[in-house]
Amino acid sequence: MHAAGKYAGAHLDGNNRLIATDVAGTALDFIESFTPPPDCDMTLADARRAWPKKTLMVNLASSLHLQGPAAIRAHARGLIEEGAGDGRRFMVGVIEDVPNRGLETLVPLAEEIASWRL
């Protein structure tokens, strides 16, 4: 894929601690839907250490969608502080169905991300 100018990635929204070294040894450019605690077993800081050259698209853990706007803002702030670094190779996304059309989840998440500055 690289020879054709394409990026290669994988959807890893599960417990990744056991496979972290194997993933590090791949030619993957990005990890999509990486899900840190409280739902999975590997923190964003752990992922950054294990995969320093890979782009991470971090998934907002599905359990947080039911905890309300304050919890989502706090979690988003923590993700940014823990993993954004210089703002390169870092994205935040949502791959779950969200309650209430996202008003109590997507809006606070977007506002928190928008308030972040390098």
PDB file of N, CA and C in Angstrom:
ATOM      1  N   MET A   1       0.823  -1.198   0.000  1.00  0.00           N
ATOM      2  CA  MET A   1       0.000   0.000   0.000  1.00  0.00           C
ATOM      3  C   MET A   1       0.863   1.257   0.000  1.00  0.00           C
ATOM      4  N   HIS A   2       1.936   1.233   0.764  1.00  0.00           N
ATOM      5  CA  HIS A   2       2.801   2.404   0.824  1.00  0.00           C
ATOM      6  C   HIS A   2       3.390   2.732  -0.544  1.00  0.00           C
ATOM      7  N   ALA A   3       3.753   1.701  -1.312  1.00  0.00           N
ATOM      8  CA  ALA A   3       4.323   1.914  -2.646  1.00  0.00           C
ATOM      9  C   ALA A   3       3.340   2.638  -3.564  1.00  0.00           C
ATOM     10  N   ALA A   4       2.053   2.483  -3.281  1.00  0.00           N
ATOM     11  CA  ALA A   4       1.020   3.149  -4.073  1.00  0.00           C
ATOM     12  C   ALA A   4       0.596   4.473  -3.459  1.00  0.00           C
ATOM     13  N   GLY A   5       1.318   4.923  -2.428  1.00  0.00           N
ATOM     14  CA  GLY A   5       0.990   6.196  -1.790  1.00  0.00           C
ATOM     15  C   GLY A   5      -0.205   6.128  -0.860  1.00  0.00           C
ATOM     16  N   LYS A   6      -0.537   4.954  -0.386  1.00  0.00           N
ATOM     17  CA  LYS A   6      -1.691   4.757   0.500  1.00  0.00           C
ATOM     18  C   LYS A   6      -1.227   4.510   1.925  1.00  0.00           C
ATOM     19  N   TYR A   7      -2.062   4.929   2.867  1.00  0.00           N
ATOM     20  CA  TYR A   7      -1.807   4.661   4.276  1.00  0.00           C
ATOM     21  C   TYR A   7      -2.495   3.369   4.684  1.00  0.00           C
ATOM     22  N   ALA A   8      -1.930   2.692   5.656  1.00  0.00           N
ATOM     23  CA  ALA A   8      -2.513   1.459   6.173  1.00  0.00           C
ATOM     24  C   ALA A   8      -2.850   1.644   7.645  1.00  0.00           C
ATOM     25  N   GLY A   9      -4.016   1.154   8.060  1.00  0.00           N
ATOM     26  CA  GLY A   9      -4.413   1.284   9.448  1.00  0.00           C
ATOM     27  C   GLY A   9      -5.245   0.104   9.899  1.00  0.00           C
ATOM     28  N   ALA A  10      -5.586   0.111  11.184  1.00  0.00           N
ATOM     29  CA  ALA A  10      -6.395  -0.959  11.753  1.00  0.00           C
ATOM     30  C   ALA A  10      -7.356  -0.387  12.788  1.00  0.00           C
ATOM     31  N   HIS A  11      -8.509  -1.003  12.887  1.00  0.00           N
ATOM     32  CA  HIS A  11      -9.540  -0.661  13.863  1.00  0.00           C
ATOM     33  C   HIS A  11      -9.261  -1.497  15.108  1.00  0.00           C
ATOM     34  N   LEU A  12      -8.762  -0.851  16.171  1.00  0.00           N
ATOM     35  CA  LEU A  12      -8.380  -1.581  17.388  1.00  0.00           C
ATOM     36  C   LEU A  12      -9.109  -0.994  18.596  1.00  0.00           C
ATOM     37  N   ASP A  13     -10.394  -1.281  18.699  1.00  0.00           N
ATOM     38  CA  ASP A  13     -11.174  -0.724  19.804  1.00  0.00           C
ATOM     39  C   ASP A  13     -11.397  -1.729  20.925  1.00  0.00           C
ATOM     40  N   GLY A  14     -10.429  -2.579  21.152  1.00  0.00           N
ATOM     41  CA  GLY A  14     -10.551  -3.575  22.215  1.00  0.00           C
ATOM     42  C   GLY A  14      -9.384  -3.501  23.176  1.00  0.00           C
ATOM     43  N   ASN A  15      -9.190  -4.561  23.928  1.00  0.00           N
ATOM     44  CA  ASN A  15      -8.037  -4.665  24.830  1.00  0.00           C
ATOM     45  C   ASN A  15      -6.797  -4.938  23.982  1.00  0.00           C
ATOM     46  N   ASN A  16      -5.863  -4.010  24.006  1.00  0.00           N
ATOM     47  CA  ASN A  16      -4.697  -4.075  23.121  1.00  0.00           C
ATOM     48  C   ASN A  16      -3.375  -4.358  23.825  1.00  0.00           C
ATOM     49  N   ARG A  17      -3.378  -4.403  25.135  1.00  0.00           N
ATOM     50  CA  ARG A  17      -2.124  -4.565  25.866  1.00  0.00           C
ATOM     51  C   ARG A  17      -1.339  -5.808  25.405  1.00  0.00           C
ATOM     52  N   LEU A  18      -2.027  -6.934  25.231  1.00  0.00           N
ATOM     53  CA  LEU A  18      -1.351  -8.177  24.841  1.00  0.00           C
ATOM     54  C   LEU A  18      -0.754  -8.136  23.434  1.00  0.00           C
ATOM     55  N   ILE A  19      -1.319  -7.325  22.560  1.00  0.00           N
ATOM     56  CA  ILE A  19      -0.828  -7.281  21.183  1.00  0.00           C
ATOM     57  C   ILE A  19      -0.032  -6.017  20.868  1.00  0.00           C
ATOM     58  N   ALA A  20       0.202  -5.171  21.865  1.00  0.00           N
ATOM     59  CA  ALA A  20       0.853  -3.875  21.632  1.00  0.00           C
ATOM     60  C   ALA A  20       2.204  -4.013  20.949  1.00  0.00           C
ATOM     61  N   THR A  21       3.021  -4.954  21.387  1.00  0.00           N
ATOM     62  CA  THR A  21       4.339  -5.135  20.774  1.00  0.00           C
ATOM     63  C   THR A  21       4.207  -5.619  19.341  1.00  0.00           C
ATOM     64  N   ASP A  22       3.268  -6.519  19.096  1.00  0.00           N
ATOM     65  CA  ASP A  22       3.043  -7.001  17.728  1.00  0.00           C
ATOM     66  C   ASP A  22       2.587  -5.868  16.815  1.00  0.00           C
ATOM     67  N   VAL A  23       1.676  -5.034  17.301  1.00  0.00           N
ATOM     68  CA  VAL A  23       1.190  -3.894  16.509  1.00  0.00           C
ATOM     69  C   VAL A  23       2.340  -2.932  16.224  1.00  0.00           C
ATOM     70  N   ALA A  24       3.190  -2.717  17.213  1.00  0.00           N
ATOM     71  CA  ALA A  24       4.336  -1.812  17.025  1.00  0.00           C
ATOM     72  C   ALA A  24       5.237  -2.279  15.901  1.00  0.00           C
ATOM     73  N   GLY A  25       5.339  -3.584  15.711  1.00  0.00           N
ATOM     74  CA  GLY A  25       6.201  -4.139  14.683  1.00  0.00           C
ATOM     75  C   GLY A  25       5.602  -4.138  13.284  1.00  0.00           C
ATOM     76  N   THR A  26       4.376  -3.660  13.144  1.00  0.00           N
ATOM     77  CA  THR A  26       3.739  -3.623  11.827  1.00  0.00           C
ATOM     78  C   THR A  26       4.068  -2.319  11.109  1.00  0.00           C
ATOM     79  N   ALA A  27       3.748  -2.287   9.838  1.00  0.00           N
ATOM     80  CA  ALA A  27       3.928  -1.075   9.033  1.00  0.00           C
ATOM     81  C   ALA A  27       2.676  -0.198   9.048  1.00  0.00           C
ATOM     82  N   LEU A  28       1.770  -0.442   9.996  1.00  0.00           N
ATOM     83  CA  LEU A  28       0.562   0.377  10.084  1.00  0.00           C
ATOM     84  C   LEU A  28       0.926   1.833  10.330  1.00  0.00           C
ATOM     85  N   ASP A  29       0.222   2.724   9.638  1.00  0.00           N
ATOM     86  CA  ASP A  29       0.433   4.155   9.832  1.00  0.00           C
ATOM     87  C   ASP A  29      -0.468   4.707  10.929  1.00  0.00           C
ATOM     88  N   PHE A  30      -1.644   4.119  11.075  1.00  0.00           N
ATOM     89  CA  PHE A  30      -2.585   4.641  12.057  1.00  0.00           C
ATOM     90  C   PHE A  30      -3.362   3.521  12.744  1.00  0.00           C
ATOM     91  N   ILE A  31      -3.806   3.856  13.945  1.00  0.00           N
ATOM     92  CA  ILE A  31      -4.700   2.992  14.720  1.00  0.00           C
ATOM     93  C   ILE A  31      -5.998   3.773  14.844  1.00  0.00           C
ATOM     94  N   GLU A  32      -7.061   3.192  14.348  1.00  0.00           N
ATOM     95  CA  GLU A  32      -8.360   3.854  14.340  1.00  0.00           C
ATOM     96  C   GLU A  32      -9.234   3.252  15.441  1.00  0.00           C
ATOM     97  N   SER A  33      -9.954   4.113  16.129  1.00  0.00           N
ATOM     98  CA  SER A  33     -10.885   3.726  17.188  1.00  0.00           C
ATOM     99  C   SER A  33     -10.224   3.101  18.403  1.00  0.00           C
ATOM    100  N   PHE A  34      -8.979   3.481  18.662  1.00  0.00           N
ATOM    101  CA  PHE A  34      -8.322   3.047  19.895  1.00  0.00           C
ATOM    102  C   PHE A  34      -9.168   3.534  21.066  1.00  0.00           C
ATOM    103  N   THR A  35      -9.524   2.624  21.966  1.00  0.00           N
ATOM    104  CA  THR A  35     -10.391   2.966  23.094  1.00  0.00           C
ATOM    105  C   THR A  35      -9.652   2.745  24.407  1.00  0.00           C
ATOM    106  N   PRO A  36      -9.362   3.843  25.111  1.00  0.00           N
ATOM    107  CA  PRO A  36      -8.664   3.736  26.396  1.00  0.00           C
ATOM    108  C   PRO A  36      -9.634   3.397  27.530  1.00  0.00           C
ATOM    109  N   PRO A  37      -9.129   3.243  28.756  1.00  0.00           N
ATOM    110  CA  PRO A  37     -10.013   3.055  29.897  1.00  0.00           C
ATOM    111  C   PRO A  37     -11.009   4.218  29.974  1.00  0.00           C
ATOM    112  N   PRO A  38     -12.195   3.976  30.488  1.00  0.00           N
ATOM    113  CA  PRO A  38     -12.557   2.875  31.362  1.00  0.00           C
ATOM    114  C   PRO A  38     -13.015   1.611  30.648  1.00  0.00           C
ATOM    115  N   ASP A  39     -13.120   1.614  29.333  1.00  0.00           N
ATOM    116  CA  ASP A  39     -13.664   0.437  28.649  1.00  0.00           C
ATOM    117  C   ASP A  39     -12.611  -0.582  28.229  1.00  0.00           C
ATOM    118  N   CYS A  40     -11.399  -0.161  27.973  1.00  0.00           N
ATOM    119  CA  CYS A  40     -10.367  -1.084  27.510  1.00  0.00           C
ATOM    120  C   CYS A  40      -9.120  -0.973  28.379  1.00  0.00           C
ATOM    121  N   ASP A  41      -8.119  -1.801  28.118  1.00  0.00           N
ATOM    122  CA  ASP A  41      -7.031  -2.009  29.072  1.00  0.00           C
ATOM    123  C   ASP A  41      -5.739  -1.227  28.835  1.00  0.00           C
ATOM    124  N   MET A  42      -5.708  -0.356  27.860  1.00  0.00           N
ATOM    125  CA  MET A  42      -4.463   0.330  27.541  1.00  0.00           C
ATOM    126  C   MET A  42      -4.709   1.833  27.512  1.00  0.00           C
ATOM    127  N   THR A  43      -3.962   2.582  28.308  1.00  0.00           N
ATOM    128  CA  THR A  43      -4.151   4.028  28.345  1.00  0.00           C
ATOM    129  C   THR A  43      -3.600   4.662  27.076  1.00  0.00           C
ATOM    130  N   LEU A  44      -4.003   5.882  26.857  1.00  0.00           N
ATOM    131  CA  LEU A  44      -3.492   6.625  25.713  1.00  0.00           C
ATOM    132  C   LEU A  44      -1.988   6.848  25.849  1.00  0.00           C
ATOM    133  N   ALA A  45      -1.529   7.123  27.055  1.00  0.00           N
ATOM    134  CA  ALA A  45      -0.080   7.283  27.288  1.00  0.00           C
ATOM    135  C   ALA A  45       0.662   5.983  26.962  1.00  0.00           C
ATOM    136  N   ASP A  46       0.096   4.840  27.351  1.00  0.00           N
ATOM    137  CA  ASP A  46       0.691   3.543  27.009  1.00  0.00           C
ATOM    138  C   ASP A  46       0.767   3.368  25.492  1.00  0.00           C
ATOM    139  N   ALA A  47      -0.306   3.737  24.800  1.00  0.00           N
ATOM    140  CA  ALA A  47      -0.342   3.606  23.340  1.00  0.00           C
ATOM    141  C   ALA A  47       0.697   4.505  22.693  1.00  0.00           C
ATOM    142  N   ARG A  48       0.842   5.707  23.207  1.00  0.00           N
ATOM    143  CA  ARG A  48       1.852   6.627  22.677  1.00  0.00           C
ATOM    144  C   ARG A  48       3.261   6.050  22.848  1.00  0.00           C
ATOM    145  N   ARG A  49       3.515   5.445  24.008  1.00  0.00           N
ATOM    146  CA  ARG A  49       4.838   4.845  24.238  1.00  0.00           C
ATOM    147  C   ARG A  49       5.045   3.621  23.348  1.00  0.00           C
ATOM    148  N   ALA A  50       4.019   2.799  23.192  1.00  0.00           N
ATOM    149  CA  ALA A  50       4.132   1.571  22.401  1.00  0.00           C
ATOM    150  C   ALA A  50       4.208   1.854  20.902  1.00  0.00           C
ATOM    151  N   TRP A  51       3.495   2.891  20.454  1.00  0.00           N
ATOM    152  CA  TRP A  51       3.387   3.176  19.020  1.00  0.00           C
ATOM    153  C   TRP A  51       3.711   4.641  18.736  1.00  0.00           C
ATOM    154  N   PRO A  52       4.919   5.093  19.024  1.00  0.00           N
ATOM    155  CA  PRO A  52       5.239   6.526  18.942  1.00  0.00           C
ATOM    156  C   PRO A  52       5.105   7.150  17.554  1.00  0.00           C
ATOM    157  N   LYS A  53       5.192   6.361  16.511  1.00  0.00           N
ATOM    158  CA  LYS A  53       5.134   6.933  15.155  1.00  0.00           C
ATOM    159  C   LYS A  53       3.788   6.712  14.470  1.00  0.00           C
ATOM    160  N   LYS A  54       2.858   6.098  15.165  1.00  0.00           N
ATOM    161  CA  LYS A  54       1.556   5.824  14.561  1.00  0.00           C
ATOM    162  C   LYS A  54       0.555   6.922  14.934  1.00  0.00           C
ATOM    163  N   THR A  55      -0.275   7.291  13.989  1.00  0.00           N
ATOM    164  CA  THR A  55      -1.366   8.220  14.264  1.00  0.00           C
ATOM    165  C   THR A  55      -2.437   7.472  15.047  1.00  0.00           C
ATOM    166  N   LEU A  56      -2.978   8.124  16.060  1.00  0.00           N
ATOM    167  CA  LEU A  56      -4.027   7.504  16.876  1.00  0.00           C
ATOM    168  C   LEU A  56      -5.337   8.273  16.717  1.00  0.00           C
ATOM    169  N   MET A  57      -6.391   7.555  16.347  1.00  0.00           N
ATOM    170  CA  MET A  57      -7.730   8.107  16.395  1.00  0.00           C
ATOM    171  C   MET A  57      -8.365   7.468  17.623  1.00  0.00           C
ATOM    172  N   VAL A  58      -8.583   8.270  18.638  1.00  0.00           N
ATOM    173  CA  VAL A  58      -9.073   7.783  19.920  1.00  0.00           C
ATOM    174  C   VAL A  58     -10.592   7.835  19.939  1.00  0.00           C
ATOM    175  N   ASN A  59     -11.190   6.749  20.348  1.00  0.00           N
ATOM    176  CA  ASN A  59     -12.634   6.636  20.452  1.00  0.00           C
ATOM    177  C   ASN A  59     -13.084   7.035  21.854  1.00  0.00           C
ATOM    178  N   LEU A  60     -14.122   7.840  21.933  1.00  0.00           N
ATOM    179  CA  LEU A  60     -14.728   8.141  23.228  1.00  0.00           C
ATOM    180  C   LEU A  60     -15.395   6.862  23.724  1.00  0.00           C
ATOM    181  N   ALA A  61     -14.935   6.343  24.849  1.00  0.00           N
ATOM    182  CA  ALA A  61     -15.427   5.069  25.384  1.00  0.00           C
ATOM    183  C   ALA A  61     -16.945   5.060  25.480  1.00  0.00           C
ATOM    184  N   SER A  62     -17.546   3.966  25.049  1.00  0.00           N
ATOM    185  CA  SER A  62     -19.003   3.892  24.989  1.00  0.00           C
ATOM    186  C   SER A  62     -19.663   4.045  26.357  1.00  0.00           C
ATOM    187  N   SER A  63     -19.009   3.613  27.412  1.00  0.00           N
ATOM    188  CA  SER A  63     -19.616   3.742  28.747  1.00  0.00           C
ATOM    189  C   SER A  63     -19.793   5.196  29.159  1.00  0.00           C
ATOM    190  N   LEU A  64     -19.020   6.095  28.580  1.00  0.00           N
ATOM    191  CA  LEU A  64     -19.110   7.515  28.950  1.00  0.00           C
ATOM    192  C   LEU A  64     -20.355   8.196  28.410  1.00  0.00           C
ATOM    193  N   HIS A  65     -20.938   7.660  27.369  1.00  0.00           N
ATOM    194  CA  HIS A  65     -22.100   8.298  26.749  1.00  0.00           C
ATOM    195  C   HIS A  65     -23.295   8.388  27.697  1.00  0.00           C
ATOM    196  N   LEU A  66     -23.306   7.560  28.713  1.00  0.00           N
ATOM    197  CA  LEU A  66     -24.419   7.569  29.663  1.00  0.00           C
ATOM    198  C   LEU A  66     -24.114   8.348  30.929  1.00  0.00           C
ATOM    199  N   GLN A  67     -22.931   8.931  31.025  1.00  0.00           N
ATOM    200  CA  GLN A  67     -22.525   9.611  32.257  1.00  0.00           C
ATOM    201  C   GLN A  67     -22.757  11.115  32.246  1.00  0.00           C
ATOM    202  N   GLY A  68     -23.179  11.665  31.136  1.00  0.00           N
ATOM    203  CA  GLY A  68     -23.537  13.071  31.075  1.00  0.00           C
ATOM    204  C   GLY A  68     -22.424  13.990  30.612  1.00  0.00           C
ATOM    205  N   PRO A  69     -22.795  15.235  30.297  1.00  0.00           N
ATOM    206  CA  PRO A  69     -21.869  16.196  29.717  1.00  0.00           C
ATOM    207  C   PRO A  69     -20.619  16.479  30.550  1.00  0.00           C
ATOM    208  N   ALA A  70     -20.755  16.587  31.859  1.00  0.00           N
ATOM    209  CA  ALA A  70     -19.584  16.901  32.698  1.00  0.00           C
ATOM    210  C   ALA A  70     -18.536  15.796  32.616  1.00  0.00           C
ATOM    211  N   ALA A  71     -18.985  14.553  32.651  1.00  0.00           N
ATOM    212  CA  ALA A  71     -18.041  13.426  32.556  1.00  0.00           C
ATOM    213  C   ALA A  71     -17.386  13.384  31.185  1.00  0.00           C
ATOM    214  N   ILE A  72     -18.145  13.689  30.151  1.00  0.00           N
ATOM    215  CA  ILE A  72     -17.588  13.682  28.797  1.00  0.00           C
ATOM    216  C   ILE A  72     -16.553  14.787  28.637  1.00  0.00           C
ATOM    217  N   ARG A  73     -16.857  15.972  29.146  1.00  0.00           N
ATOM    218  CA  ARG A  73     -15.883  17.072  29.076  1.00  0.00           C
ATOM    219  C   ARG A  73     -14.598  16.704  29.824  1.00  0.00           C
ATOM    220  N   ALA A  74     -14.732  16.168  31.011  1.00  0.00           N
ATOM    221  CA  ALA A  74     -13.552  15.811  31.809  1.00  0.00           C
ATOM    222  C   ALA A  74     -12.734  14.734  31.108  1.00  0.00           C
ATOM    223  N   HIS A  75     -13.404  13.742  30.551  1.00  0.00           N
ATOM    224  CA  HIS A  75     -12.695  12.663  29.861  1.00  0.00           C
ATOM    225  C   HIS A  75     -11.995  13.198  28.606  1.00  0.00           C
ATOM    226  N   ALA A  76     -12.690  14.029  27.846  1.00  0.00           N
ATOM    227  CA  ALA A  76     -12.089  14.613  26.631  1.00  0.00           C
ATOM    228  C   ALA A  76     -10.865  15.445  26.990  1.00  0.00           C
ATOM    229  N   ARG A  77     -10.970  16.242  28.037  1.00  0.00           N
ATOM    230  CA  ARG A  77      -9.839  17.057  28.495  1.00  0.00           C
ATOM    231  C   ARG A  77      -8.664  16.155  28.866  1.00  0.00           C
ATOM    232  N   GLY A  78      -8.956  15.058  29.565  1.00  0.00           N
ATOM    233  CA  GLY A  78      -7.903  14.121  29.941  1.00  0.00           C
ATOM    234  C   GLY A  78      -7.251  13.466  28.728  1.00  0.00           C
ATOM    235  N   LEU A  79      -8.060  13.098  27.735  1.00  0.00           N
ATOM    236  CA  LEU A  79      -7.501  12.511  26.513  1.00  0.00           C
ATOM    237  C   LEU A  79      -6.557  13.486  25.828  1.00  0.00           C
ATOM    238  N   ILE A  80      -6.989  14.721  25.725  1.00  0.00           N
ATOM    239  CA  ILE A  80      -6.165  15.730  25.057  1.00  0.00           C
ATOM    240  C   ILE A  80      -4.865  15.951  25.822  1.00  0.00           C
ATOM    241  N   GLU A  81      -4.964  16.098  27.119  1.00  0.00           N
ATOM    242  CA  GLU A  81      -3.759  16.320  27.934  1.00  0.00           C
ATOM    243  C   GLU A  81      -2.825  15.119  27.897  1.00  0.00           C
ATOM    244  N   GLU A  82      -3.391  13.933  27.885  1.00  0.00           N
ATOM    245  CA  GLU A  82      -2.586  12.721  27.920  1.00  0.00           C
ATOM    246  C   GLU A  82      -1.972  12.360  26.571  1.00  0.00           C
ATOM    247  N   GLY A  83      -2.693  12.613  25.495  1.00  0.00           N
ATOM    248  CA  GLY A  83      -2.240  12.054  24.240  1.00  0.00           C
ATOM    249  C   GLY A  83      -2.031  12.970  23.065  1.00  0.00           C
ATOM    250  N   ALA A  84      -2.459  14.210  23.171  1.00  0.00           N
ATOM    251  CA  ALA A  84      -2.395  15.063  21.991  1.00  0.00           C
ATOM    252  C   ALA A  84      -0.983  15.501  21.654  1.00  0.00           C
ATOM    253  N   GLY A  85      -0.130  15.623  22.658  1.00  0.00           N
ATOM    254  CA  GLY A  85       1.244  16.046  22.395  1.00  0.00           C
ATOM    255  C   GLY A  85       1.270  17.355  21.650  1.00  0.00           C
ATOM    256  N   ASP A  86       1.928  17.348  20.497  1.00  0.00           N
ATOM    257  CA  ASP A  86       2.027  18.574  19.706  1.00  0.00           C
ATOM    258  C   ASP A  86       0.860  18.738  18.734  1.00  0.00           C
ATOM    259  N   GLY A  87      -0.161  17.898  18.864  1.00  0.00           N
ATOM    260  CA  GLY A  87      -1.330  17.997  18.011  1.00  0.00           C
ATOM    261  C   GLY A  87      -1.210  17.225  16.718  1.00  0.00           C
ATOM    262  N   ARG A  88      -0.103  16.581  16.501  1.00  0.00           N
ATOM    263  CA  ARG A  88       0.088  15.795  15.284  1.00  0.00           C
ATOM    264  C   ARG A  88      -0.210  14.325  15.583  1.00  0.00           C
ATOM    265  N   ARG A  89      -0.678  13.625  14.593  1.00  0.00           N
ATOM    266  CA  ARG A  89      -0.939  12.198  14.708  1.00  0.00           C
ATOM    267  C   ARG A  89      -1.937  11.889  15.830  1.00  0.00           C
ATOM    268  N   PHE A  90      -2.962  12.740  15.982  1.00  0.00           N
ATOM    269  CA  PHE A  90      -3.940  12.552  17.053  1.00  0.00           C
ATOM    270  C   PHE A  90      -5.310  13.043  16.592  1.00  0.00           C
ATOM    271  N   MET A  91      -6.320  12.188  16.778  1.00  0.00           N
ATOM    272  CA  MET A  91      -7.705  12.549  16.469  1.00  0.00           C
ATOM    273  C   MET A  91      -8.600  11.965  17.555  1.00  0.00           C
ATOM    274  N   VAL A  92      -9.742  12.565  17.751  1.00  0.00           N
ATOM    275  CA  VAL A  92     -10.743  12.028  18.673  1.00  0.00           C
ATOM    276  C   VAL A  92     -12.003  11.784  17.861  1.00  0.00           C
ATOM    277  N   GLY A  93     -12.630  10.653  18.078  1.00  0.00           N
ATOM    278  CA  GLY A  93     -13.835  10.333  17.342  1.00  0.00           C
ATOM    279  C   GLY A  93     -14.831   9.563  18.178  1.00  0.00           C
ATOM    280  N   VAL A  94     -15.957   9.291  17.581  1.00  0.00           N
ATOM    281  CA  VAL A  94     -17.017   8.513  18.221  1.00  0.00           C
ATOM    282  C   VAL A  94     -17.480   7.463  17.216  1.00  0.00           C
ATOM    283  N   ILE A  95     -17.391   6.208  17.608  1.00  0.00           N
ATOM    284  CA  ILE A  95     -17.835   5.135  16.712  1.00  0.00           C
ATOM    285  C   ILE A  95     -19.076   4.441  17.249  1.00  0.00           C
ATOM    286  N   GLU A  96     -19.637   4.961  18.314  1.00  0.00           N
ATOM    287  CA  GLU A  96     -20.785   4.328  18.970  1.00  0.00           C
ATOM    288  C   GLU A  96     -22.080   5.017  18.558  1.00  0.00           C
ATOM    289  N   ASP A  97     -23.187   4.323  18.761  1.00  0.00           N
ATOM    290  CA  ASP A  97     -24.481   4.989  18.692  1.00  0.00           C
ATOM    291  C   ASP A  97     -24.574   5.859  19.938  1.00  0.00           C
ATOM    292  N   VAL A  98     -25.081   7.057  19.784  1.00  0.00           N
ATOM    293  CA  VAL A  98     -25.134   7.960  20.929  1.00  0.00           C
ATOM    294  C   VAL A  98     -26.584   8.247  21.316  1.00  0.00           C
ATOM    295  N   PRO A  99     -26.846   8.325  22.623  1.00  0.00           N
ATOM    296  CA  PRO A  99     -28.211   8.627  23.067  1.00  0.00           C
ATOM    297  C   PRO A  99     -28.555  10.095  22.820  1.00  0.00           C
ATOM    298  N   ASN A 100     -29.828  10.410  22.822  1.00  0.00           N
ATOM    299  CA  ASN A 100     -30.312  11.784  22.773  1.00  0.00           C
ATOM    300  C   ASN A 100     -29.763  12.543  21.567  1.00  0.00           C
ATOM    301  N   ARG A 101     -29.613  11.844  20.453  1.00  0.00           N
ATOM    302  CA  ARG A 101     -29.094  12.434  19.211  1.00  0.00           C
ATOM    303  C   ARG A 101     -27.754  13.150  19.426  1.00  0.00           C
ATOM    304  N   GLY A 102     -27.037  12.779  20.462  1.00  0.00           N
ATOM    305  CA  GLY A 102     -25.713  13.334  20.699  1.00  0.00           C
ATOM    306  C   GLY A 102     -25.680  14.670  21.402  1.00  0.00           C
ATOM    307  N   LEU A 103     -26.836  15.207  21.749  1.00  0.00           N
ATOM    308  CA  LEU A 103     -26.865  16.535  22.374  1.00  0.00           C
ATOM    309  C   LEU A 103     -26.083  16.570  23.686  1.00  0.00           C
ATOM    310  N   GLU A 104     -26.140  15.475  24.440  1.00  0.00           N
ATOM    311  CA  GLU A 104     -25.436  15.449  25.721  1.00  0.00           C
ATOM    312  C   GLU A 104     -24.080  14.774  25.623  1.00  0.00           C
ATOM    313  N   THR A 105     -23.697  14.342  24.436  1.00  0.00           N
ATOM    314  CA  THR A 105     -22.401  13.690  24.271  1.00  0.00           C
ATOM    315  C   THR A 105     -21.546  14.382  23.221  1.00  0.00           C
ATOM    316  N   LEU A 106     -22.042  14.475  22.003  1.00  0.00           N
ATOM    317  CA  LEU A 106     -21.234  15.044  20.929  1.00  0.00           C
ATOM    318  C   LEU A 106     -20.988  16.538  21.095  1.00  0.00           C
ATOM    319  N   VAL A 107     -22.001  17.263  21.554  1.00  0.00           N
ATOM    320  CA  VAL A 107     -21.825  18.714  21.736  1.00  0.00           C
ATOM    321  C   VAL A 107     -20.771  19.012  22.799  1.00  0.00           C
ATOM    322  N   PRO A 108     -20.852  18.428  24.009  1.00  0.00           N
ATOM    323  CA  PRO A 108     -19.793  18.703  24.997  1.00  0.00           C
ATOM    324  C   PRO A 108     -18.418  18.231  24.527  1.00  0.00           C
ATOM    325  N   LEU A 109     -18.364  17.110  23.827  1.00  0.00           N
ATOM    326  CA  LEU A 109     -17.090  16.616  23.313  1.00  0.00           C
ATOM    327  C   LEU A 109     -16.505  17.620  22.317  1.00  0.00           C
ATOM    328  N   ALA A 110     -17.311  18.070  21.376  1.00  0.00           N
ATOM    329  CA  ALA A 110     -16.837  19.034  20.378  1.00  0.00           C
ATOM    330  C   ALA A 110     -16.423  20.351  21.013  1.00  0.00           C
ATOM    331  N   GLU A 111     -17.180  20.809  21.989  1.00  0.00           N
ATOM    332  CA  GLU A 111     -16.821  22.067  22.658  1.00  0.00           C
ATOM    333  C   GLU A 111     -15.499  21.944  23.402  1.00  0.00           C
ATOM    334  N   GLU A 112     -15.291  20.826  24.060  1.00  0.00           N
ATOM    335  CA  GLU A 112     -14.037  20.625  24.792  1.00  0.00           C
ATOM    336  C   GLU A 112     -12.853  20.564  23.831  1.00  0.00           C
ATOM    337  N   ILE A 113     -13.010  19.857  22.739  1.00  0.00           N
ATOM    338  CA  ILE A 113     -11.946  19.773  21.750  1.00  0.00           C
ATOM    339  C   ILE A 113     -11.664  21.148  21.155  1.00  0.00           C
ATOM    340  N   ALA A 114     -12.717  21.903  20.840  1.00  0.00           N
ATOM    341  CA  ALA A 114     -12.563  23.226  20.248  1.00  0.00           C
ATOM    342  C   ALA A 114     -11.836  24.205  21.190  1.00  0.00           C
ATOM    343  N   SER A 115     -11.961  23.977  22.482  1.00  0.00           N
ATOM    344  CA  SER A 115     -11.327  24.900  23.439  1.00  0.00           C
ATOM    345  C   SER A 115      -9.837  24.605  23.629  1.00  0.00           C
ATOM    346  N   TRP A 116      -9.382  23.482  23.102  1.00  0.00           N
ATOM    347  CA  TRP A 116      -7.978  23.074  23.275  1.00  0.00           C
ATOM    348  C   TRP A 116      -7.093  23.861  22.337  1.00  0.00           C
ATOM    349  N   ARG A 117      -5.960  24.283  22.839  1.00  0.00           N
ATOM    350  CA  ARG A 117      -4.972  25.004  22.036  1.00  0.00           C
ATOM    351  C   ARG A 117      -3.604  24.377  22.235  1.00  0.00           C
ATOM    352  N   LEU A 118      -2.838  24.325  21.152  1.00  0.00           N
ATOM    353  CA  LEU A 118      -1.447  23.827  21.233  1.00  0.00           C
ATOM    354  C   LEU A 118      -0.624  24.755  22.086  1.00  0.00           C
TER     355      LEU A 118
END
